[in-house]
Amino acid sequence: MAPAASRLDAMEGSLQIPAMEKESTPAALKNHLRFHAPHGHLAPVFGNDWFAHKAEAFARFFGTPAFLVGQTVIVAVWIALNSAGVFHFDIYPFILLNLAFSLQAAYAAPLILLAQTRQADRDKAHADADALHREDLANAAEQRQTLAAAQAEQILELIRQNTELTRITKAMSERIQTLTEEVHRRMTSKD
């Protein structure tokens, strides 16, 4: 099993966390590849074996400046040696050089297609994981909005109850003041 696949298998265990716990769990926050885990079962076109990796690396090498400069130097030396008469292993129409280029093209084209296909598979898996991530963020935002709306309703209810208690307290204070004045008046009138 390849290291990438084993990392994805290991990440699948962290996906068992419920939605609200997932946001607050430090391990889940550190596991930035958790959305890629559902795509771990998808095998690349030619697998994760040695041949696939080497073929892809070789195909990527075809586009580097080092390859282009190296090939140009080899062709220039080839033509110079055969034209100058130093070695005559490939005379003027350079049939052997043409055969070498044909052989290189015959292997380069499928390797380049292999690299493009593997990259397309990776891009699709990343796009799917990004879509899941955006969906998860939207769900979390919706949950936060629902919670905020519920808390706002609770706050409005508490304000209404506080207003009612304030009104009752005011009425009781007025009643106490009236009773106190009446008691005071009765106590002062008896004397």
N, C-alpha and C. Protein backbone atom coordinates (compact mmCIF):
# COMPACT_ATOMS: atom_id res chain seq x y z
N MET A 1 0.85 -1.18 0.00
CA MET A 1 0.00 0.00 0.00
C MET A 1 0.89 1.23 0.00
N ALA A 2 0.53 2.24 -0.74
CA ALA A 2 1.34 3.44 -0.86
C ALA A 2 1.18 4.31 0.37
N PRO A 3 2.17 5.18 0.64
CA PRO A 3 2.06 6.05 1.80
C PRO A 3 0.83 6.95 1.75
N ALA A 4 0.47 7.45 0.56
CA ALA A 4 -0.70 8.32 0.45
C ALA A 4 -1.97 7.57 0.81
N ALA A 5 -2.07 6.34 0.35
CA ALA A 5 -3.26 5.54 0.65
C ALA A 5 -3.33 5.22 2.14
N SER A 6 -2.19 4.94 2.76
CA SER A 6 -2.21 4.64 4.19
C SER A 6 -2.56 5.89 4.99
N ARG A 7 -2.12 7.06 4.54
CA ARG A 7 -2.51 8.30 5.22
C ARG A 7 -4.01 8.50 5.10
N LEU A 8 -4.57 8.21 3.93
CA LEU A 8 -6.01 8.37 3.75
C LEU A 8 -6.78 7.37 4.60
N ASP A 9 -6.26 6.12 4.72
CA ASP A 9 -6.91 5.13 5.57
C ASP A 9 -6.87 5.61 7.03
N ALA A 10 -5.76 6.17 7.43
CA ALA A 10 -5.65 6.66 8.80
C ALA A 10 -6.60 7.83 9.05
N MET A 11 -6.81 8.64 8.01
CA MET A 11 -7.70 9.78 8.16
C MET A 11 -9.15 9.37 8.27
N GLU A 12 -9.54 8.24 7.71
CA GLU A 12 -10.93 7.82 7.74
C GLU A 12 -11.41 7.66 9.18
N GLY A 13 -10.54 7.30 10.09
CA GLY A 13 -10.93 7.18 11.49
C GLY A 13 -11.35 8.51 12.08
N SER A 14 -10.75 9.59 11.63
CA SER A 14 -11.11 10.90 12.17
C SER A 14 -12.42 11.41 11.60
N LEU A 15 -12.94 10.77 10.56
CA LEU A 15 -14.21 11.22 9.98
C LEU A 15 -15.41 10.71 10.77
N GLN A 16 -15.21 9.88 11.77
CA GLN A 16 -16.30 9.34 12.56
C GLN A 16 -16.79 10.35 13.60
N ILE A 17 -16.17 11.51 13.69
CA ILE A 17 -16.52 12.52 14.67
C ILE A 17 -17.83 13.19 14.24
N PRO A 18 -18.80 13.38 15.15
CA PRO A 18 -20.04 14.09 14.79
C PRO A 18 -19.73 15.52 14.35
N ALA A 19 -20.69 16.14 13.65
CA ALA A 19 -20.47 17.44 13.03
C ALA A 19 -20.08 18.52 14.04
N MET A 20 -20.78 18.61 15.16
CA MET A 20 -20.47 19.68 16.12
C MET A 20 -19.14 19.41 16.82
N GLU A 21 -18.82 18.16 17.12
CA GLU A 21 -17.55 17.84 17.76
C GLU A 21 -16.39 18.05 16.79
N LYS A 22 -16.63 17.83 15.51
CA LYS A 22 -15.56 17.93 14.52
C LYS A 22 -14.99 19.34 14.51
N GLU A 23 -15.87 20.34 14.67
CA GLU A 23 -15.40 21.71 14.63
C GLU A 23 -14.56 22.06 15.86
N SER A 24 -14.89 21.47 17.00
CA SER A 24 -14.23 21.86 18.22
C SER A 24 -13.07 20.95 18.61
N THR A 25 -12.88 19.85 17.93
CA THR A 25 -11.82 18.92 18.27
C THR A 25 -10.50 19.40 17.66
N PRO A 26 -9.46 19.65 18.49
CA PRO A 26 -8.18 20.13 17.95
C PRO A 26 -7.56 19.16 16.95
N ALA A 27 -7.70 17.85 17.18
CA ALA A 27 -7.12 16.88 16.25
C ALA A 27 -7.79 16.99 14.89
N ALA A 28 -9.10 17.21 14.87
CA ALA A 28 -9.81 17.34 13.59
C ALA A 28 -9.40 18.62 12.88
N LEU A 29 -9.15 19.68 13.64
CA LEU A 29 -8.73 20.92 13.00
C LEU A 29 -7.34 20.79 12.39
N LYS A 30 -6.47 19.99 13.01
CA LYS A 30 -5.13 19.78 12.48
C LYS A 30 -5.14 18.84 11.28
N ASN A 31 -6.17 18.01 11.16
CA ASN A 31 -6.25 17.03 10.08
C ASN A 31 -6.87 17.70 8.85
N HIS A 32 -6.08 18.48 8.14
CA HIS A 32 -6.60 19.25 7.01
C HIS A 32 -6.92 18.38 5.80
N LEU A 33 -6.52 17.12 5.80
CA LEU A 33 -6.82 16.22 4.68
C LEU A 33 -8.04 15.34 4.94
N ARG A 34 -8.80 15.62 6.00
CA ARG A 34 -9.92 14.75 6.36
C ARG A 34 -10.99 14.68 5.29
N PHE A 35 -11.09 15.69 4.43
CA PHE A 35 -12.09 15.66 3.37
C PHE A 35 -11.62 14.84 2.18
N HIS A 36 -10.34 14.50 2.14
CA HIS A 36 -9.81 13.68 1.06
C HIS A 36 -9.98 12.18 1.36
N ALA A 37 -10.24 11.85 2.60
CA ALA A 37 -10.34 10.44 2.99
C ALA A 37 -11.42 9.66 2.23
N PRO A 38 -12.58 10.24 1.96
CA PRO A 38 -13.58 9.46 1.22
C PRO A 38 -13.12 9.07 -0.19
N HIS A 39 -12.09 9.74 -0.70
CA HIS A 39 -11.60 9.44 -2.04
C HIS A 39 -10.39 8.51 -2.01
N GLY A 40 -10.04 8.02 -0.83
CA GLY A 40 -8.88 7.15 -0.69
C GLY A 40 -9.03 5.82 -1.40
N HIS A 41 -10.26 5.39 -1.62
CA HIS A 41 -10.49 4.10 -2.28
C HIS A 41 -10.27 4.19 -3.79
N LEU A 42 -10.22 5.40 -4.31
CA LEU A 42 -10.03 5.55 -5.75
C LEU A 42 -8.57 5.29 -6.10
N ALA A 43 -8.32 4.27 -6.88
CA ALA A 43 -6.94 3.96 -7.28
C ALA A 43 -6.59 4.79 -8.50
N PRO A 44 -5.37 5.29 -8.58
CA PRO A 44 -4.96 5.99 -9.77
C PRO A 44 -5.01 5.05 -10.98
N VAL A 45 -4.93 5.62 -12.15
CA VAL A 45 -5.11 4.86 -13.38
C VAL A 45 -4.19 3.64 -13.45
N PHE A 46 -2.92 3.82 -13.15
CA PHE A 46 -1.98 2.70 -13.20
C PHE A 46 -1.53 2.30 -11.81
N GLY A 47 -2.31 2.67 -10.81
CA GLY A 47 -1.99 2.27 -9.45
C GLY A 47 -0.91 3.14 -8.82
N ASN A 48 -0.49 2.73 -7.65
CA ASN A 48 0.53 3.46 -6.92
C ASN A 48 1.84 2.67 -6.89
N ASP A 49 2.05 1.82 -7.85
CA ASP A 49 3.25 0.99 -7.83
C ASP A 49 4.46 1.75 -8.38
N TRP A 50 5.57 1.08 -8.38
CA TRP A 50 6.83 1.66 -8.80
C TRP A 50 6.77 2.16 -10.25
N PHE A 51 6.20 1.36 -11.15
CA PHE A 51 6.15 1.74 -12.57
C PHE A 51 5.37 3.03 -12.77
N ALA A 52 4.24 3.15 -12.11
CA ALA A 52 3.41 4.34 -12.30
C ALA A 52 4.13 5.59 -11.85
N HIS A 53 4.79 5.51 -10.70
CA HIS A 53 5.50 6.69 -10.19
C HIS A 53 6.70 7.04 -11.07
N LYS A 54 7.46 6.03 -11.49
CA LYS A 54 8.63 6.29 -12.34
C LYS A 54 8.20 6.81 -13.72
N ALA A 55 7.13 6.22 -14.26
CA ALA A 55 6.65 6.67 -15.58
C ALA A 55 6.18 8.12 -15.51
N GLU A 56 5.48 8.45 -14.43
CA GLU A 56 5.01 9.82 -14.29
C GLU A 56 6.18 10.79 -14.10
N ALA A 57 7.17 10.39 -13.31
CA ALA A 57 8.35 11.25 -13.12
C ALA A 57 9.10 11.43 -14.44
N PHE A 58 9.21 10.34 -15.21
CA PHE A 58 9.89 10.42 -16.51
C PHE A 58 9.12 11.33 -17.46
N ALA A 59 7.78 11.22 -17.47
CA ALA A 59 6.96 12.08 -18.33
C ALA A 59 7.08 13.54 -17.92
N ARG A 60 7.16 13.80 -16.64
CA ARG A 60 7.33 15.18 -16.18
C ARG A 60 8.71 15.72 -16.58
N PHE A 61 9.71 14.83 -16.64
CA PHE A 61 11.05 15.25 -17.01
C PHE A 61 11.12 15.72 -18.46
N PHE A 62 10.23 15.20 -19.33
CA PHE A 62 10.24 15.59 -20.74
C PHE A 62 10.03 17.09 -20.93
N GLY A 63 9.34 17.75 -20.04
CA GLY A 63 9.06 19.17 -20.20
C GLY A 63 10.04 20.10 -19.52
N THR A 64 11.08 19.57 -18.93
CA THR A 64 12.01 20.43 -18.19
C THR A 64 13.06 21.03 -19.12
N PRO A 65 13.59 22.18 -18.77
CA PRO A 65 14.66 22.78 -19.56
C PRO A 65 15.90 21.88 -19.63
N ALA A 66 16.18 21.13 -18.57
CA ALA A 66 17.35 20.24 -18.57
C ALA A 66 17.22 19.20 -19.68
N PHE A 67 16.01 18.63 -19.85
CA PHE A 67 15.82 17.65 -20.92
C PHE A 67 15.99 18.29 -22.29
N LEU A 68 15.37 19.44 -22.48
CA LEU A 68 15.44 20.09 -23.80
C LEU A 68 16.88 20.50 -24.15
N VAL A 69 17.60 21.05 -23.20
CA VAL A 69 18.99 21.44 -23.45
C VAL A 69 19.83 20.19 -23.68
N GLY A 70 19.63 19.17 -22.85
CA GLY A 70 20.39 17.92 -23.00
C GLY A 70 20.13 17.27 -24.35
N GLN A 71 18.89 17.23 -24.78
CA GLN A 71 18.56 16.63 -26.07
C GLN A 71 19.17 17.44 -27.21
N THR A 72 19.13 18.76 -27.09
CA THR A 72 19.72 19.62 -28.13
C THR A 72 21.22 19.39 -28.23
N VAL A 73 21.89 19.25 -27.10
CA VAL A 73 23.34 19.01 -27.10
C VAL A 73 23.64 17.65 -27.73
N ILE A 74 22.88 16.62 -27.37
CA ILE A 74 23.12 15.29 -27.93
C ILE A 74 22.92 15.29 -29.44
N VAL A 75 21.85 15.95 -29.91
CA VAL A 75 21.58 16.01 -31.36
C VAL A 75 22.70 16.79 -32.07
N ALA A 76 23.12 17.90 -31.47
CA ALA A 76 24.19 18.70 -32.09
C ALA A 76 25.50 17.89 -32.18
N VAL A 77 25.84 17.18 -31.11
CA VAL A 77 27.06 16.35 -31.12
C VAL A 77 26.90 15.22 -32.12
N TRP A 78 25.74 14.59 -32.16
CA TRP A 78 25.46 13.50 -33.11
C TRP A 78 25.68 13.97 -34.54
N ILE A 79 25.07 15.10 -34.88
CA ILE A 79 25.18 15.63 -36.25
C ILE A 79 26.63 16.06 -36.53
N ALA A 80 27.26 16.69 -35.57
CA ALA A 80 28.63 17.16 -35.77
C ALA A 80 29.59 15.99 -35.99
N LEU A 81 29.47 14.94 -35.19
CA LEU A 81 30.37 13.79 -35.33
C LEU A 81 30.15 13.08 -36.68
N ASN A 82 28.90 12.97 -37.10
CA ASN A 82 28.63 12.28 -38.35
C ASN A 82 28.88 13.15 -39.58
N SER A 83 28.75 14.44 -39.45
CA SER A 83 29.00 15.33 -40.60
C SER A 83 30.48 15.61 -40.78
N ALA A 84 31.22 15.70 -39.69
CA ALA A 84 32.64 16.04 -39.75
C ALA A 84 33.49 14.85 -40.19
N GLY A 85 32.92 13.68 -40.19
CA GLY A 85 33.67 12.53 -40.64
C GLY A 85 34.45 11.85 -39.54
N VAL A 86 34.26 12.24 -38.29
CA VAL A 86 34.96 11.60 -37.19
C VAL A 86 34.45 10.18 -37.04
N PHE A 87 33.15 10.01 -36.94
CA PHE A 87 32.50 8.71 -36.88
C PHE A 87 31.42 8.68 -37.95
N HIS A 88 31.29 7.56 -38.60
CA HIS A 88 30.24 7.44 -39.62
C HIS A 88 29.27 6.32 -39.25
N PHE A 89 28.73 6.39 -38.06
CA PHE A 89 27.76 5.37 -37.67
C PHE A 89 26.35 5.73 -38.13
N ASP A 90 26.13 7.00 -38.56
CA ASP A 90 24.81 7.43 -39.07
C ASP A 90 25.06 8.49 -40.14
N ILE A 91 25.02 8.09 -41.42
CA ILE A 91 25.35 9.02 -42.49
C ILE A 91 24.23 10.03 -42.72
N TYR A 92 24.45 10.95 -43.65
CA TYR A 92 23.70 12.19 -43.80
C TYR A 92 22.20 12.15 -43.55
N PRO A 93 21.37 11.39 -44.13
CA PRO A 93 19.96 11.62 -43.77
C PRO A 93 19.67 11.30 -42.30
N PHE A 94 20.69 10.81 -41.59
CA PHE A 94 20.59 10.55 -40.15
C PHE A 94 19.39 9.65 -39.82
N ILE A 95 19.37 8.50 -40.46
CA ILE A 95 18.28 7.54 -40.29
C ILE A 95 18.24 7.04 -38.84
N LEU A 96 19.39 6.76 -38.26
CA LEU A 96 19.44 6.26 -36.88
C LEU A 96 18.94 7.32 -35.89
N LEU A 97 19.30 8.58 -36.16
CA LEU A 97 18.81 9.68 -35.30
C LEU A 97 17.29 9.80 -35.43
N ASN A 98 16.79 9.68 -36.65
CA ASN A 98 15.35 9.73 -36.87
C ASN A 98 14.65 8.57 -36.15
N LEU A 99 15.26 7.40 -36.21
CA LEU A 99 14.70 6.24 -35.51
C LEU A 99 14.70 6.47 -33.99
N ALA A 100 15.76 7.09 -33.48
CA ALA A 100 15.83 7.38 -32.04
C ALA A 100 14.73 8.36 -31.64
N PHE A 101 14.50 9.38 -32.48
CA PHE A 101 13.41 10.32 -32.18
C PHE A 101 12.05 9.65 -32.27
N SER A 102 11.86 8.79 -33.22
CA SER A 102 10.59 8.06 -33.35
C SER A 102 10.36 7.17 -32.13
N LEU A 103 11.41 6.49 -31.69
CA LEU A 103 11.29 5.64 -30.51
C LEU A 103 10.98 6.48 -29.27
N GLN A 104 11.67 7.63 -29.16
CA GLN A 104 11.41 8.52 -28.03
C GLN A 104 9.96 9.01 -28.06
N ALA A 105 9.47 9.40 -29.23
CA ALA A 105 8.09 9.87 -29.34
C ALA A 105 7.09 8.76 -29.04
N ALA A 106 7.41 7.53 -29.46
CA ALA A 106 6.51 6.41 -29.22
C ALA A 106 6.36 6.13 -27.72
N TYR A 107 7.41 6.35 -26.94
CA TYR A 107 7.31 6.15 -25.50
C TYR A 107 6.87 7.42 -24.78
N ALA A 108 7.24 8.58 -25.29
CA ALA A 108 6.91 9.84 -24.61
C ALA A 108 5.41 10.11 -24.62
N ALA A 109 4.76 9.87 -25.74
CA ALA A 109 3.34 10.20 -25.84
C ALA A 109 2.50 9.44 -24.81
N PRO A 110 2.64 8.11 -24.70
CA PRO A 110 1.83 7.43 -23.68
C PRO A 110 2.22 7.82 -22.25
N LEU A 111 3.50 8.08 -22.02
CA LEU A 111 3.90 8.48 -20.67
C LEU A 111 3.33 9.85 -20.32
N ILE A 112 3.32 10.75 -21.28
CA ILE A 112 2.75 12.07 -21.03
C ILE A 112 1.24 11.95 -20.80
N LEU A 113 0.58 11.12 -21.59
CA LEU A 113 -0.85 10.90 -21.38
C LEU A 113 -1.11 10.27 -20.01
N LEU A 114 -0.24 9.35 -19.61
CA LEU A 114 -0.37 8.74 -18.28
C LEU A 114 -0.27 9.82 -17.20
N ALA A 115 0.73 10.70 -17.32
CA ALA A 115 0.91 11.75 -16.33
C ALA A 115 -0.30 12.69 -16.31
N GLN A 116 -0.83 13.03 -17.48
CA GLN A 116 -1.99 13.91 -17.55
C GLN A 116 -3.23 13.24 -16.94
N THR A 117 -3.41 11.97 -17.22
CA THR A 117 -4.56 11.25 -16.68
C THR A 117 -4.47 11.15 -15.16
N ARG A 118 -3.28 10.84 -14.66
CA ARG A 118 -3.11 10.75 -13.20
C ARG A 118 -3.33 12.12 -12.56
N GLN A 119 -2.84 13.18 -13.21
CA GLN A 119 -3.05 14.52 -12.67
C GLN A 119 -4.53 14.89 -12.71
N ALA A 120 -5.22 14.52 -13.78
CA ALA A 120 -6.67 14.78 -13.86
C ALA A 120 -7.41 14.05 -12.74
N ASP A 121 -7.00 12.82 -12.45
CA ASP A 121 -7.63 12.07 -11.35
C ASP A 121 -7.38 12.76 -10.01
N ARG A 122 -6.14 13.22 -9.82
CA ARG A 122 -5.84 13.94 -8.58
C ARG A 122 -6.64 15.23 -8.49
N ASP A 123 -6.72 15.97 -9.60
CA ASP A 123 -7.47 17.22 -9.60
C ASP A 123 -8.95 16.97 -9.29
N LYS A 124 -9.51 15.90 -9.84
CA LYS A 124 -10.91 15.58 -9.58
C LYS A 124 -11.11 15.23 -8.12
N ALA A 125 -10.22 14.44 -7.56
CA ALA A 125 -10.34 14.07 -6.14
C ALA A 125 -10.22 15.31 -5.26
N HIS A 126 -9.29 16.21 -5.60
CA HIS A 126 -9.15 17.45 -4.83
C HIS A 126 -10.39 18.33 -4.98
N ALA A 127 -10.94 18.41 -6.18
CA ALA A 127 -12.15 19.21 -6.39
C ALA A 127 -13.32 18.63 -5.60
N ASP A 128 -13.44 17.31 -5.59
CA ASP A 128 -14.50 16.67 -4.81
C ASP A 128 -14.32 16.95 -3.32
N ALA A 129 -13.08 16.85 -2.86
CA ALA A 129 -12.80 17.11 -1.44
C ALA A 129 -13.07 18.58 -1.10
N ASP A 130 -12.71 19.47 -2.01
CA ASP A 130 -12.98 20.89 -1.78
C ASP A 130 -14.49 21.16 -1.74
N ALA A 131 -15.24 20.48 -2.62
CA ALA A 131 -16.70 20.64 -2.61
C ALA A 131 -17.28 20.15 -1.29
N LEU A 132 -16.78 19.01 -0.80
CA LEU A 132 -17.24 18.51 0.51
C LEU A 132 -16.89 19.49 1.63
N HIS A 133 -15.71 20.07 1.52
CA HIS A 133 -15.28 21.04 2.54
C HIS A 133 -16.19 22.27 2.51
N ARG A 134 -16.48 22.78 1.31
CA ARG A 134 -17.37 23.94 1.21
C ARG A 134 -18.76 23.60 1.73
N GLU A 135 -19.23 22.39 1.43
CA GLU A 135 -20.54 21.95 1.92
C GLU A 135 -20.54 21.85 3.44
N ASP A 136 -19.46 21.32 4.00
CA ASP A 136 -19.34 21.22 5.45
C ASP A 136 -19.32 22.61 6.09
N LEU A 137 -18.60 23.54 5.47
CA LEU A 137 -18.57 24.91 5.98
C LEU A 137 -19.96 25.55 5.91
N ALA A 138 -20.69 25.30 4.81
CA ALA A 138 -22.04 25.85 4.68
C ALA A 138 -22.96 25.27 5.74
N ASN A 139 -22.85 23.95 5.99
CA ASN A 139 -23.67 23.33 7.03
C ASN A 139 -23.34 23.89 8.41
N ALA A 140 -22.06 24.08 8.67
CA ALA A 140 -21.65 24.65 9.97
C ALA A 140 -22.18 26.07 10.11
N ALA A 141 -22.11 26.86 9.03
CA ALA A 141 -22.63 28.23 9.09
C ALA A 141 -24.14 28.22 9.31
N GLU A 142 -24.84 27.29 8.66
CA GLU A 142 -26.28 27.19 8.85
C GLU A 142 -26.61 26.80 10.28
N GLN A 143 -25.84 25.88 10.85
CA GLN A 143 -26.06 25.49 12.25
C GLN A 143 -25.83 26.67 13.19
N ARG A 144 -24.76 27.45 12.90
CA ARG A 144 -24.49 28.62 13.74
C ARG A 144 -25.62 29.65 13.61
N GLN A 145 -26.14 29.83 12.40
CA GLN A 145 -27.24 30.78 12.23
C GLN A 145 -28.50 30.31 12.95
N THR A 146 -28.78 29.02 12.88
CA THR A 146 -29.93 28.47 13.59
C THR A 146 -29.77 28.66 15.09
N LEU A 147 -28.57 28.37 15.59
CA LEU A 147 -28.30 28.55 17.02
C LEU A 147 -28.42 30.02 17.41
N ALA A 148 -27.90 30.92 16.57
CA ALA A 148 -27.99 32.35 16.86
C ALA A 148 -29.44 32.81 16.87
N ALA A 149 -30.26 32.30 15.94
CA ALA A 149 -31.68 32.67 15.91
C ALA A 149 -32.38 32.18 17.17
N ALA A 150 -32.07 30.95 17.60
CA ALA A 150 -32.68 30.41 18.82
C ALA A 150 -32.25 31.23 20.03
N GLN A 151 -30.98 31.60 20.09
CA GLN A 151 -30.50 32.42 21.21
C GLN A 151 -31.14 33.81 21.18
N ALA A 152 -31.34 34.36 20.00
CA ALA A 152 -32.00 35.67 19.89
C ALA A 152 -33.44 35.58 20.40
N GLU A 153 -34.13 34.50 20.07
CA GLU A 153 -35.49 34.30 20.58
C GLU A 153 -35.49 34.19 22.11
N GLN A 154 -34.50 33.47 22.65
CA GLN A 154 -34.41 33.34 24.11
C GLN A 154 -34.14 34.70 24.75
N ILE A 155 -33.27 35.48 24.12
CA ILE A 155 -32.95 36.81 24.67
C ILE A 155 -34.20 37.69 24.64
N LEU A 156 -34.97 37.66 23.54
CA LEU A 156 -36.19 38.45 23.45
C LEU A 156 -37.20 38.01 24.52
N GLU A 157 -37.30 36.71 24.76
CA GLU A 157 -38.20 36.21 25.80
C GLU A 157 -37.73 36.67 27.18
N LEU A 158 -36.42 36.63 27.42
CA LEU A 158 -35.89 37.10 28.71
C LEU A 158 -36.14 38.60 28.88
N ILE A 159 -36.00 39.36 27.81
CA ILE A 159 -36.26 40.81 27.89
C ILE A 159 -37.74 41.05 28.19
N ARG A 160 -38.63 40.28 27.54
CA ARG A 160 -40.06 40.42 27.79
C ARG A 160 -40.38 40.08 29.25
N GLN A 161 -39.78 38.99 29.76
CA GLN A 161 -40.00 38.61 31.16
C GLN A 161 -39.44 39.67 32.10
N ASN A 162 -38.27 40.23 31.75
CA ASN A 162 -37.67 41.27 32.58
C ASN A 162 -38.56 42.51 32.61
N THR A 163 -39.12 42.85 31.46
CA THR A 163 -40.02 44.00 31.41
C THR A 163 -41.25 43.77 32.26
N GLU A 164 -41.80 42.55 32.18
CA GLU A 164 -42.97 42.20 33.00
C GLU A 164 -42.62 42.25 34.49
N LEU A 165 -41.45 41.72 34.86
CA LEU A 165 -41.03 41.76 36.27
C LEU A 165 -40.81 43.21 36.73
N THR A 166 -40.26 44.02 35.86
CA THR A 166 -40.05 45.43 36.20
C THR A 166 -41.40 46.12 36.43
N ARG A 167 -42.39 45.82 35.59
CA ARG A 167 -43.73 46.40 35.75
C ARG A 167 -44.36 45.93 37.07
N ILE A 168 -44.20 44.63 37.36
CA ILE A 168 -44.76 44.10 38.62
C ILE A 168 -44.05 44.73 39.81
N THR A 169 -42.71 44.85 39.72
CA THR A 169 -41.95 45.47 40.81
C THR A 169 -42.38 46.92 41.03
N LYS A 170 -42.61 47.64 39.94
CA LYS A 170 -43.06 49.03 40.05
C LYS A 170 -44.42 49.10 40.73
N ALA A 171 -45.34 48.19 40.31
CA ALA A 171 -46.68 48.18 40.91
C ALA A 171 -46.59 47.85 42.40
N MET A 172 -45.74 46.88 42.74
CA MET A 172 -45.58 46.51 44.15
C MET A 172 -44.95 47.65 44.93
N SER A 173 -43.97 48.34 44.35
CA SER A 173 -43.34 49.47 45.03
C SER A 173 -44.37 50.58 45.28
N GLU A 174 -45.21 50.84 44.29
CA GLU A 174 -46.25 51.86 44.48
C GLU A 174 -47.23 51.43 45.56
N ARG A 175 -47.57 50.14 45.58
CA ARG A 175 -48.50 49.63 46.59
C ARG A 175 -47.86 49.72 47.97
N ILE A 176 -46.56 49.37 48.07
CA ILE A 176 -45.86 49.46 49.36
C ILE A 176 -45.80 50.91 49.81
N GLN A 177 -45.55 51.81 48.88
CA GLN A 177 -45.49 53.23 49.24
C GLN A 177 -46.86 53.70 49.74
N THR A 178 -47.90 53.28 49.07
CA THR A 178 -49.27 53.66 49.49
C THR A 178 -49.56 53.10 50.88
N LEU A 179 -49.23 51.83 51.09
CA LEU A 179 -49.48 51.22 52.40
C LEU A 179 -48.62 51.88 53.49
N THR A 180 -47.38 52.19 53.16
CA THR A 180 -46.50 52.84 54.14
C THR A 180 -47.06 54.21 54.51
N GLU A 181 -47.53 54.97 53.53
CA GLU A 181 -48.12 56.29 53.82
C GLU A 181 -49.38 56.14 54.66
N GLU A 182 -50.19 55.12 54.34
CA GLU A 182 -51.42 54.90 55.11
C GLU A 182 -51.09 54.50 56.55
N VAL A 183 -50.11 53.59 56.72
CA VAL A 183 -49.70 53.18 58.07
C VAL A 183 -49.14 54.38 58.82
N HIS A 184 -48.36 55.17 58.14
CA HIS A 184 -47.76 56.35 58.77
C HIS A 184 -48.84 57.34 59.18
N ARG A 185 -49.80 57.53 58.29
CA ARG A 185 -50.89 58.46 58.60
C ARG A 185 -51.69 57.94 59.79
N ARG A 186 -51.99 56.65 59.87
CA ARG A 186 -52.76 56.10 60.97
C ARG A 186 -51.97 56.19 62.29
N MET A 187 -50.64 55.95 62.16
CA MET A 187 -49.83 56.00 63.37
C MET A 187 -49.71 57.43 63.87
N THR A 188 -49.65 58.35 63.01
CA THR A 188 -49.52 59.76 63.44
C THR A 188 -50.87 60.32 63.85
N SER A 189 -51.98 59.82 63.31
CA SER A 189 -53.31 60.37 63.66
C SER A 189 -53.78 59.87 65.02
N LYS A 190 -53.40 58.75 65.52
CA LYS A 190 -53.80 58.21 66.80
C LYS A 190 -53.21 59.03 67.94
N ASP A 191 -52.14 59.58 67.74
CA ASP A 191 -51.49 60.30 68.84
C ASP A 191 -52.18 61.54 69.15
